[in-house]
Amino acid sequence: MIIRVRVIPKASMWTEIAGRIGSTVRVKLMTDNIEGPANDELKEFLSEFFEVANENVKILRGEKGKEKTVEIEGRPEEELEEIMEAIP
């Protein structure tokens, strides 16, 4: 499953989903950076959120920007879509 993510750096005391606008998931990060450590934090968070292994979360585009295209594997597509639909 491929999703679009908009990261909001240094926006929270912990990493969390801030909501969804259409097909774009907004994620508040603890780190104040949008690349490097932020990408690692985002991948770890998404792997826990979607309950997949960390290596099943890949940033395809946007490693140096706030808008990222992320691929999530490791579960059936239907299950991943159900999780996405549960995000307000």
Foldseek 3Di string as FASTA:
>chain_A
DKAKEFEDECPDPAWDFPFDDVRYTYIYHNHRAQADVVVLRVLVVVCVLLVADSVQKDFPDDRRHRITMIGGDGDDPVSSVVSSVPTD
